[in-house]
Amino acid sequence: MISNPMLCALQFAYEGQSFEENFETLQALLEQTPQNSISLAPELCLSAYSYDKMEEAAEFSATILSKLAKLSVGKTYGLTLIEKIDTKYVNNFKLFHHGKLIYTQSKAKLFTLGEEEHYFSAGNIEEINFVEINGIKIAVLICFELRFPSLWEKIKGADLILIPAYWGKLRKKHFEVLTTALAIANQAYVLCANSADESMAKSSAIISPLGDVTSDDHHNLIMHTFDFHEIKKIRRYLDIGLTHNAANGSI
């Protein structure tokens, strides 16, 4: 089934807030999104990079999963969480759809300038896959992963690329250029959600296959309709070999 849902980028500050307060902010924003929408929250929006509270953050993630799933009734959304696998901590992307967790992907490229490798275990690049929802082929790159051409190649053919981010304002232009280029190169929609904390770039956006950007640094919720016709039109007009193949798992 092909659908044209509303794409929603959530953009809010969460550093220095309690995990519970951040959950309440997420819940309030998701309640404003339309039915059957696809929303994205910034990277680690419930805990931030709580290096001094990793165990507490992982425990909170485990206890909140059922509530996070309920927030997706009638819609779809994604976010990343600090989780503990055996004895190691991972930054895991979670995609919830109609009340269920349907996809998990671990961050494979850790940001060395932020010393992530000292606190997180990297995911396996081979586990970066597609998930299909109502005919929309979705891929995910988590923050720093946006910089790697090899990962762009891996997600080639996606209709919608999700970028949850915690991207600093000193490299704001990089974030804007890379996300726009990713949309143009893949002839796909890019939905990116970044933190609105003081040191962050913001620049959350929905970017069309033509590179048109819908963004507003002063809003918590940015929305634009996904339109399959735009993808088909640009791929037919400028044929670079992208095809609409079946994804790994259809919802």
Protein backbone atom coordinates (compact mmCIF):
# COMPACT_ATOMS: atom_id res chain seq x y z
CA MET A 1 0.00 0.00 0.00
CA ILE A 2 1.44 3.37 -1.03
CA SER A 3 0.76 6.34 1.23
CA ASN A 4 1.82 9.98 1.48
CA PRO A 5 2.15 10.61 5.23
CA MET A 6 3.15 13.80 6.98
CA LEU A 7 6.84 13.86 7.89
CA CYS A 8 7.56 15.48 11.26
CA ALA A 9 10.93 16.59 12.66
CA LEU A 10 10.97 17.08 16.44
CA GLN A 11 13.47 19.69 17.62
CA PHE A 12 13.90 20.43 21.31
CA ALA A 13 16.50 20.99 24.02
CA TYR A 14 17.11 18.18 26.49
CA GLU A 15 20.53 18.68 28.09
CA GLY A 16 20.26 19.11 31.85
CA GLN A 17 16.67 17.86 32.02
CA SER A 18 15.65 14.70 33.82
CA PHE A 19 14.87 11.60 31.77
CA GLU A 20 11.22 11.90 32.84
CA GLU A 21 11.01 15.55 31.78
CA ASN A 22 12.42 14.72 28.37
CA PHE A 23 9.92 11.89 27.97
CA GLU A 24 7.10 14.34 28.75
CA THR A 25 8.41 16.73 26.09
CA LEU A 26 8.60 13.91 23.54
CA GLN A 27 5.09 12.79 24.40
CA ALA A 28 3.67 16.32 24.10
CA LEU A 29 5.24 16.82 20.67
CA LEU A 30 4.13 13.43 19.34
CA GLU A 31 0.59 14.22 20.45
CA GLN A 32 0.69 17.18 18.04
CA THR A 33 1.63 15.02 15.05
CA PRO A 34 -1.10 13.81 12.67
CA GLN A 35 -2.37 10.27 12.45
CA ASN A 36 -0.30 8.06 10.11
CA SER A 37 2.59 10.53 10.26
CA ILE A 38 6.25 9.55 10.40
CA SER A 39 8.17 11.48 13.07
CA LEU A 40 11.77 11.60 14.19
CA ALA A 41 13.27 12.78 17.48
CA PRO A 42 16.87 14.00 18.00
CA GLU A 43 19.63 11.61 19.00
CA LEU A 44 19.41 10.42 22.63
CA CYS A 45 16.57 12.86 23.27
CA LEU A 46 15.58 11.26 26.58
CA SER A 47 19.00 11.03 28.23
CA ALA A 48 21.43 13.15 26.18
CA TYR A 49 25.02 11.89 26.41
CA SER A 50 24.84 11.01 30.09
CA TYR A 51 28.35 9.60 30.42
CA ASP A 52 28.15 9.98 34.20
CA LYS A 53 24.82 8.11 34.34
CA MET A 54 25.08 5.41 31.69
CA GLU A 55 23.67 2.63 33.87
CA GLU A 56 20.77 4.81 34.98
CA ALA A 57 20.06 5.84 31.40
CA ALA A 58 20.08 2.21 30.22
CA GLU A 59 17.72 1.21 33.02
CA PHE A 60 15.37 4.06 32.12
CA SER A 61 15.37 2.95 28.47
CA ALA A 62 14.44 -0.58 29.48
CA THR A 63 11.55 0.55 31.70
CA ILE A 64 10.17 3.10 29.23
CA LEU A 65 10.00 0.89 26.11
CA SER A 66 6.35 -0.06 26.55
CA LYS A 67 5.35 3.59 27.01
CA LEU A 68 7.37 4.57 23.95
CA ALA A 69 5.53 1.94 21.94
CA LYS A 70 2.14 3.27 23.05
CA LEU A 71 3.07 6.74 21.77
CA SER A 72 3.15 5.27 18.25
CA VAL A 73 -0.47 4.12 18.16
CA GLY A 74 -1.85 5.36 14.85
CA LYS A 75 1.51 6.69 13.69
CA THR A 76 5.23 5.95 13.28
CA TYR A 77 8.25 7.52 14.96
CA GLY A 78 11.91 6.91 15.70
CA LEU A 79 14.48 7.90 18.32
CA THR A 80 17.74 6.59 19.78
CA LEU A 81 18.26 5.26 23.30
CA ILE A 82 21.17 4.27 25.52
CA GLU A 83 20.78 0.51 26.02
CA LYS A 84 22.90 -2.12 27.70
CA ILE A 85 23.69 -5.33 25.83
CA ASP A 86 25.43 -7.83 28.07
CA THR A 87 28.07 -5.58 29.71
CA LYS A 88 28.32 -2.95 26.96
CA TYR A 89 26.37 0.22 26.26
CA VAL A 90 25.04 0.91 22.77
CA ASN A 91 23.32 3.85 21.09
CA ASN A 92 20.31 2.15 19.54
CA PHE A 93 17.86 3.58 17.05
CA LYS A 94 14.29 2.36 17.61
CA LEU A 95 11.43 2.64 15.14
CA PHE A 96 7.91 2.30 16.54
CA HIS A 97 4.88 1.73 14.34
CA HIS A 98 1.23 1.46 15.38
CA GLY A 99 2.03 0.53 18.97
CA LYS A 100 4.92 -1.84 18.29
CA LEU A 101 8.71 -1.75 18.08
CA ILE A 102 9.48 -2.86 14.52
CA TYR A 103 13.15 -2.04 13.94
CA THR A 104 16.39 -1.54 15.89
CA GLN A 105 19.75 -0.34 14.56
CA SER A 106 22.92 0.30 16.59
CA LYS A 107 25.12 3.32 15.85
CA ALA A 108 28.08 1.89 13.97
CA LYS A 109 30.25 4.99 13.51
CA LEU A 110 31.09 6.60 16.84
CA PHE A 111 32.08 10.27 17.06
CA THR A 112 35.70 10.35 18.20
CA LEU A 113 35.69 14.09 18.97
CA GLY A 114 32.98 13.36 21.51
CA GLU A 115 34.90 10.37 22.90
CA GLU A 116 31.93 8.12 22.21
CA GLU A 117 34.22 5.13 21.71
CA HIS A 118 35.16 5.29 25.42
CA TYR A 119 31.56 4.79 26.49
CA PHE A 120 29.71 3.00 23.69
CA SER A 121 30.23 -0.20 21.78
CA ALA A 122 29.94 0.33 18.01
CA GLY A 123 27.24 -1.46 16.07
CA ASN A 124 27.81 -3.66 13.04
CA ILE A 125 27.66 -1.80 9.70
CA GLU A 126 26.27 -4.97 8.10
CA GLU A 127 23.16 -4.57 10.24
CA ILE A 128 22.24 -1.26 8.59
CA ASN A 129 19.21 -2.36 6.57
CA PHE A 130 15.96 -1.08 5.13
CA VAL A 131 12.53 -1.30 6.69
CA GLU A 132 9.39 -0.82 4.61
CA ILE A 133 6.22 0.80 5.91
CA ASN A 134 3.18 1.15 3.66
CA GLY A 135 5.35 0.91 0.57
CA ILE A 136 7.92 3.45 1.80
CA LYS A 137 11.47 2.10 1.91
CA ILE A 138 13.16 3.63 4.97
CA ALA A 139 16.84 3.79 5.95
CA VAL A 140 18.59 5.32 8.96
CA LEU A 141 21.95 7.03 9.52
CA ILE A 142 22.67 8.14 13.07
CA CYS A 143 24.35 11.56 13.40
CA PHE A 144 28.11 11.12 12.64
CA GLU A 145 27.28 8.30 10.20
CA LEU A 146 26.05 11.00 7.82
CA ARG A 147 29.69 11.80 6.97
CA PHE A 148 30.59 8.39 5.52
CA PRO A 149 30.22 7.92 1.73
CA SER A 150 30.36 4.14 2.16
CA LEU A 151 27.16 4.32 4.21
CA TRP A 152 25.48 6.51 1.58
CA GLU A 153 26.17 3.69 -0.87
CA LYS A 154 24.73 1.13 1.54
CA ILE A 155 21.37 2.90 1.82
CA LYS A 156 21.06 3.71 -1.89
CA GLY A 157 17.51 3.21 -3.09
CA ALA A 158 15.74 4.34 0.08
CA ASP A 159 12.65 6.53 -0.34
CA LEU A 160 13.02 8.12 3.10
CA ILE A 161 16.23 8.52 5.09
CA LEU A 162 16.02 9.29 8.82
CA ILE A 163 18.87 11.21 10.49
CA PRO A 164 18.54 11.50 14.30
CA ALA A 165 21.33 13.84 15.38
CA TYR A 166 23.14 15.65 18.17
CA TRP A 167 25.17 17.88 15.85
CA GLY A 168 27.14 20.85 17.15
CA LYS A 169 26.53 24.39 15.89
CA LEU A 170 30.20 24.87 15.01
CA ARG A 171 29.56 22.47 12.11
CA LYS A 172 26.02 23.65 11.32
CA LYS A 173 26.82 24.25 7.65
CA HIS A 174 28.22 20.72 7.33
CA PHE A 175 24.98 19.26 8.65
CA GLU A 176 22.83 21.33 6.30
CA VAL A 177 24.97 20.64 3.24
CA LEU A 178 25.31 16.91 3.89
CA THR A 179 21.62 16.29 4.58
CA THR A 180 20.60 18.22 1.47
CA ALA A 181 23.20 16.46 -0.67
CA LEU A 182 22.02 13.10 0.68
CA ALA A 183 18.47 13.84 -0.47
CA ILE A 184 19.62 14.93 -3.93
CA ALA A 185 22.07 12.03 -4.37
CA ASN A 186 19.47 9.45 -3.38
CA GLN A 187 16.52 11.22 -5.03
CA ALA A 188 14.74 10.62 -1.75
CA TYR A 189 13.27 12.46 1.21
CA VAL A 190 15.54 13.12 4.18
CA LEU A 191 13.99 13.67 7.60
CA CYS A 192 16.57 14.97 10.06
CA ALA A 193 15.97 15.87 13.72
CA ASN A 194 18.66 17.64 15.72
CA SER A 195 18.90 18.90 19.28
CA ALA A 196 17.92 22.51 20.04
CA ASP A 197 20.35 22.82 22.95
CA GLU A 198 22.50 25.97 23.01
CA SER A 199 25.62 24.29 21.62
CA MET A 200 23.74 22.42 18.91
CA ALA A 201 23.17 23.28 15.24
CA LYS A 202 19.40 22.76 15.22
CA SER A 203 18.73 22.72 11.42
CA SER A 204 16.14 19.96 11.77
CA ALA A 205 14.44 19.61 8.42
CA ILE A 206 12.48 17.72 5.83
CA ILE A 207 14.33 17.76 2.51
CA SER A 208 12.69 16.76 -0.75
CA PRO A 209 14.24 14.62 -3.54
CA LEU A 210 14.82 17.89 -5.42
CA GLY A 211 16.74 19.36 -2.49
CA ASP A 212 14.01 21.72 -1.30
CA VAL A 213 14.40 22.28 2.45
CA THR A 214 11.65 22.81 5.03
CA SER A 215 13.35 23.94 8.24
CA ASP A 216 12.89 26.39 11.12
CA ASP A 217 15.36 26.75 14.00
CA HIS A 218 12.70 28.43 16.15
CA HIS A 219 10.09 25.67 16.12
CA ASN A 220 9.85 22.39 18.02
CA LEU A 221 7.82 20.69 15.31
CA ILE A 222 8.55 20.94 11.58
CA MET A 223 6.24 19.20 9.11
CA HIS A 224 6.02 18.52 5.40
CA THR A 225 4.15 15.91 3.37
CA PHE A 226 5.94 12.93 1.88
CA ASP A 227 4.98 12.67 -1.80
CA PHE A 228 5.79 9.49 -3.75
CA HIS A 229 5.07 11.34 -6.98
CA GLU A 230 8.09 13.60 -6.37
CA ILE A 231 10.38 10.58 -5.98
CA LYS A 232 9.05 8.84 -9.09
CA LYS A 233 9.21 12.03 -11.14
CA ILE A 234 12.85 12.85 -10.37
CA ARG A 235 13.99 9.23 -10.76
CA ARG A 236 12.28 9.02 -14.14
CA TYR A 237 13.50 12.44 -15.31
CA LEU A 238 17.10 11.96 -14.09
CA ASP A 239 17.64 8.21 -14.21
CA ILE A 240 20.74 7.36 -12.17
CA GLY A 241 19.87 3.70 -11.67
CA LEU A 242 17.78 3.89 -8.51
CA THR A 243 14.97 1.39 -8.44
CA HIS A 244 12.07 0.78 -6.09
CA ASN A 245 13.07 -2.66 -4.87
CA ALA A 246 11.42 -4.55 -2.05
CA ALA A 247 12.90 -3.88 1.38
CA ASN A 248 13.95 -6.22 4.18
CA GLY A 249 10.62 -6.62 5.87
CA SER A 250 7.32 -4.94 4.98
CA ILE A 251 4.86 -3.54 7.50
